[in-house]
N, C-alpha and C. Protein backbone atom coordinates (compact mmCIF):
# COMPACT_ATOMS: atom_id res chain seq x y z
N MET A 1 35.30 17.98 10.48
CA MET A 1 35.15 17.26 9.23
C MET A 1 33.72 17.47 8.72
N LYS A 2 33.60 17.82 7.46
CA LYS A 2 32.29 18.00 6.85
C LYS A 2 31.76 16.66 6.35
N CYS A 3 30.44 16.55 6.32
CA CYS A 3 29.82 15.33 5.82
C CYS A 3 28.52 15.68 5.12
N MET A 4 27.95 14.71 4.45
CA MET A 4 26.66 14.88 3.79
C MET A 4 25.64 14.02 4.52
N LYS A 5 24.38 14.37 4.37
CA LYS A 5 23.30 13.52 4.87
C LYS A 5 22.73 12.79 3.67
N VAL A 6 22.61 11.47 3.79
CA VAL A 6 22.17 10.66 2.66
C VAL A 6 21.10 9.66 3.10
N LYS A 7 20.34 9.21 2.12
CA LYS A 7 19.46 8.06 2.31
C LYS A 7 19.39 7.32 0.99
N GLU A 8 19.34 5.99 1.09
CA GLU A 8 19.33 5.16 -0.10
C GLU A 8 17.95 5.07 -0.72
N ASN A 9 16.91 5.17 0.11
CA ASN A 9 15.53 5.11 -0.36
C ASN A 9 14.75 6.26 0.26
N PRO A 10 13.74 6.78 -0.45
CA PRO A 10 12.98 7.92 0.08
C PRO A 10 12.37 7.68 1.46
N SER A 11 12.03 6.45 1.78
CA SER A 11 11.41 6.16 3.08
C SER A 11 12.42 5.96 4.21
N ASP A 12 13.72 5.90 3.89
CA ASP A 12 14.76 5.71 4.90
C ASP A 12 14.98 6.99 5.70
N ASP A 13 15.57 6.84 6.90
CA ASP A 13 16.00 7.99 7.69
C ASP A 13 17.32 8.51 7.12
N TRP A 14 17.59 9.80 7.35
CA TRP A 14 18.86 10.39 6.93
C TRP A 14 20.00 9.78 7.74
N GLN A 15 21.15 9.56 7.08
CA GLN A 15 22.36 9.07 7.73
C GLN A 15 23.51 9.97 7.35
N LEU A 16 24.48 10.13 8.26
CA LEU A 16 25.66 10.93 7.95
C LEU A 16 26.60 10.12 7.06
N PHE A 17 27.17 10.80 6.07
CA PHE A 17 28.04 10.17 5.07
C PHE A 17 29.35 10.94 5.04
N TYR A 18 30.45 10.31 5.47
CA TYR A 18 31.74 10.99 5.58
C TYR A 18 32.67 10.71 4.41
N SER A 19 32.32 9.81 3.52
CA SER A 19 33.16 9.50 2.37
C SER A 19 32.96 10.55 1.28
N SER A 20 33.77 10.44 0.24
CA SER A 20 33.59 11.32 -0.91
C SER A 20 32.96 10.51 -2.04
N ILE A 21 32.42 11.22 -3.02
CA ILE A 21 31.86 10.59 -4.21
C ILE A 21 32.68 11.10 -5.38
N GLN A 22 33.44 10.21 -5.99
CA GLN A 22 34.30 10.60 -7.10
C GLN A 22 33.46 11.19 -8.23
N GLY A 23 33.86 12.37 -8.71
CA GLY A 23 33.15 13.02 -9.80
C GLY A 23 32.04 13.96 -9.36
N PHE A 24 31.81 14.07 -8.04
CA PHE A 24 30.74 14.94 -7.52
C PHE A 24 31.34 16.03 -6.65
N GLU A 25 30.94 17.27 -6.92
CA GLU A 25 31.36 18.39 -6.08
C GLU A 25 30.11 19.09 -5.57
N TYR A 26 29.89 19.02 -4.29
CA TYR A 26 28.72 19.62 -3.66
C TYR A 26 28.79 21.14 -3.73
N GLN A 27 27.67 21.77 -4.06
CA GLN A 27 27.55 23.23 -4.03
C GLN A 27 26.59 23.58 -2.90
N PRO A 28 27.06 24.33 -1.90
CA PRO A 28 26.21 24.69 -0.76
C PRO A 28 24.91 25.37 -1.21
N GLY A 29 23.84 25.06 -0.50
CA GLY A 29 22.54 25.66 -0.77
C GLY A 29 21.66 24.83 -1.67
N PHE A 30 22.16 23.71 -2.16
CA PHE A 30 21.39 22.85 -3.04
C PHE A 30 21.16 21.49 -2.40
N SER A 31 20.09 20.85 -2.82
CA SER A 31 19.77 19.48 -2.42
C SER A 31 19.86 18.64 -3.69
N TYR A 32 20.47 17.47 -3.59
CA TYR A 32 20.71 16.63 -4.75
C TYR A 32 20.07 15.26 -4.61
N THR A 33 19.68 14.69 -5.73
CA THR A 33 19.39 13.27 -5.84
C THR A 33 20.42 12.74 -6.82
N LEU A 34 21.22 11.78 -6.37
CA LEU A 34 22.32 11.26 -7.17
C LEU A 34 22.14 9.78 -7.46
N GLN A 35 22.71 9.36 -8.58
CA GLN A 35 22.86 7.94 -8.85
C GLN A 35 24.35 7.67 -8.78
N VAL A 36 24.74 6.73 -7.92
CA VAL A 36 26.16 6.42 -7.74
C VAL A 36 26.39 4.92 -7.88
N LYS A 37 27.64 4.58 -8.20
CA LYS A 37 28.08 3.18 -8.19
C LYS A 37 28.95 3.00 -6.96
N GLN A 38 28.88 1.82 -6.40
CA GLN A 38 29.64 1.46 -5.21
C GLN A 38 30.63 0.37 -5.59
N PHE A 39 31.90 0.55 -5.20
CA PHE A 39 32.96 -0.40 -5.51
C PHE A 39 33.67 -0.82 -4.24
N ASP A 40 33.97 -2.10 -4.11
CA ASP A 40 34.80 -2.58 -3.00
C ASP A 40 36.25 -2.20 -3.28
N VAL A 41 36.96 -1.77 -2.24
CA VAL A 41 38.38 -1.45 -2.35
C VAL A 41 39.15 -2.64 -1.80
N PRO A 42 39.92 -3.33 -2.65
CA PRO A 42 40.67 -4.48 -2.16
C PRO A 42 41.84 -4.03 -1.27
N ASN A 43 41.98 -4.64 -0.13
CA ASN A 43 43.08 -4.38 0.80
C ASN A 43 43.25 -2.89 1.13
N PRO A 44 42.22 -2.24 1.63
CA PRO A 44 42.37 -0.81 1.95
C PRO A 44 43.26 -0.61 3.17
N PRO A 45 43.94 0.54 3.26
CA PRO A 45 44.71 0.83 4.47
C PRO A 45 43.76 0.84 5.68
N ALA A 46 44.31 0.65 6.85
CA ALA A 46 43.50 0.55 8.07
C ALA A 46 42.68 1.81 8.33
N ASP A 47 43.17 2.97 7.90
CA ASP A 47 42.46 4.22 8.16
C ASP A 47 41.67 4.72 6.95
N ALA A 48 41.42 3.85 5.98
CA ALA A 48 40.69 4.24 4.77
C ALA A 48 39.43 3.38 4.62
N PRO A 49 38.43 3.91 3.90
CA PRO A 49 37.20 3.13 3.71
C PRO A 49 37.42 1.92 2.82
N SER A 50 36.60 0.90 3.00
CA SER A 50 36.69 -0.31 2.19
C SER A 50 35.77 -0.24 0.97
N ILE A 51 35.03 0.87 0.86
CA ILE A 51 34.12 1.08 -0.28
C ILE A 51 34.40 2.46 -0.85
N ARG A 52 34.40 2.57 -2.18
CA ARG A 52 34.49 3.89 -2.81
C ARG A 52 33.25 4.11 -3.65
N TYR A 53 32.90 5.37 -3.82
CA TYR A 53 31.68 5.74 -4.53
C TYR A 53 32.04 6.60 -5.73
N GLU A 54 31.32 6.36 -6.84
CA GLU A 54 31.56 7.10 -8.08
C GLU A 54 30.22 7.61 -8.61
N LEU A 55 30.18 8.88 -8.98
CA LEU A 55 28.97 9.49 -9.51
C LEU A 55 28.64 8.91 -10.88
N VAL A 56 27.41 8.46 -11.06
CA VAL A 56 26.91 8.03 -12.37
C VAL A 56 26.22 9.23 -13.02
N LYS A 57 25.28 9.86 -12.27
CA LYS A 57 24.62 11.06 -12.78
C LYS A 57 23.92 11.81 -11.65
N ILE A 58 23.73 13.10 -11.89
CA ILE A 58 22.92 13.92 -10.99
C ILE A 58 21.49 13.82 -11.51
N VAL A 59 20.63 13.17 -10.75
CA VAL A 59 19.24 12.96 -11.14
C VAL A 59 18.45 14.25 -10.96
N GLU A 60 18.71 14.95 -9.84
CA GLU A 60 17.98 16.18 -9.54
C GLU A 60 18.84 17.10 -8.70
N LYS A 61 18.75 18.38 -8.98
CA LYS A 61 19.44 19.41 -8.19
C LYS A 61 18.43 20.52 -7.96
N LYS A 62 18.13 20.80 -6.68
CA LYS A 62 17.17 21.88 -6.40
C LYS A 62 17.59 22.68 -5.20
């Protein structure tokens, strides 16, 4: 399973992120700074995340 490395703040350590971000398609070889919205998923299935993420904008791509 592929994942992304993320941090919420510049001073945070990197964490592995296994969920998807709706509206975002990663292109290998680039580093991104994203703005996303987080939504609670009511009554998620047992094998699904309880939070979903949606892309607001790509702040930086390098």
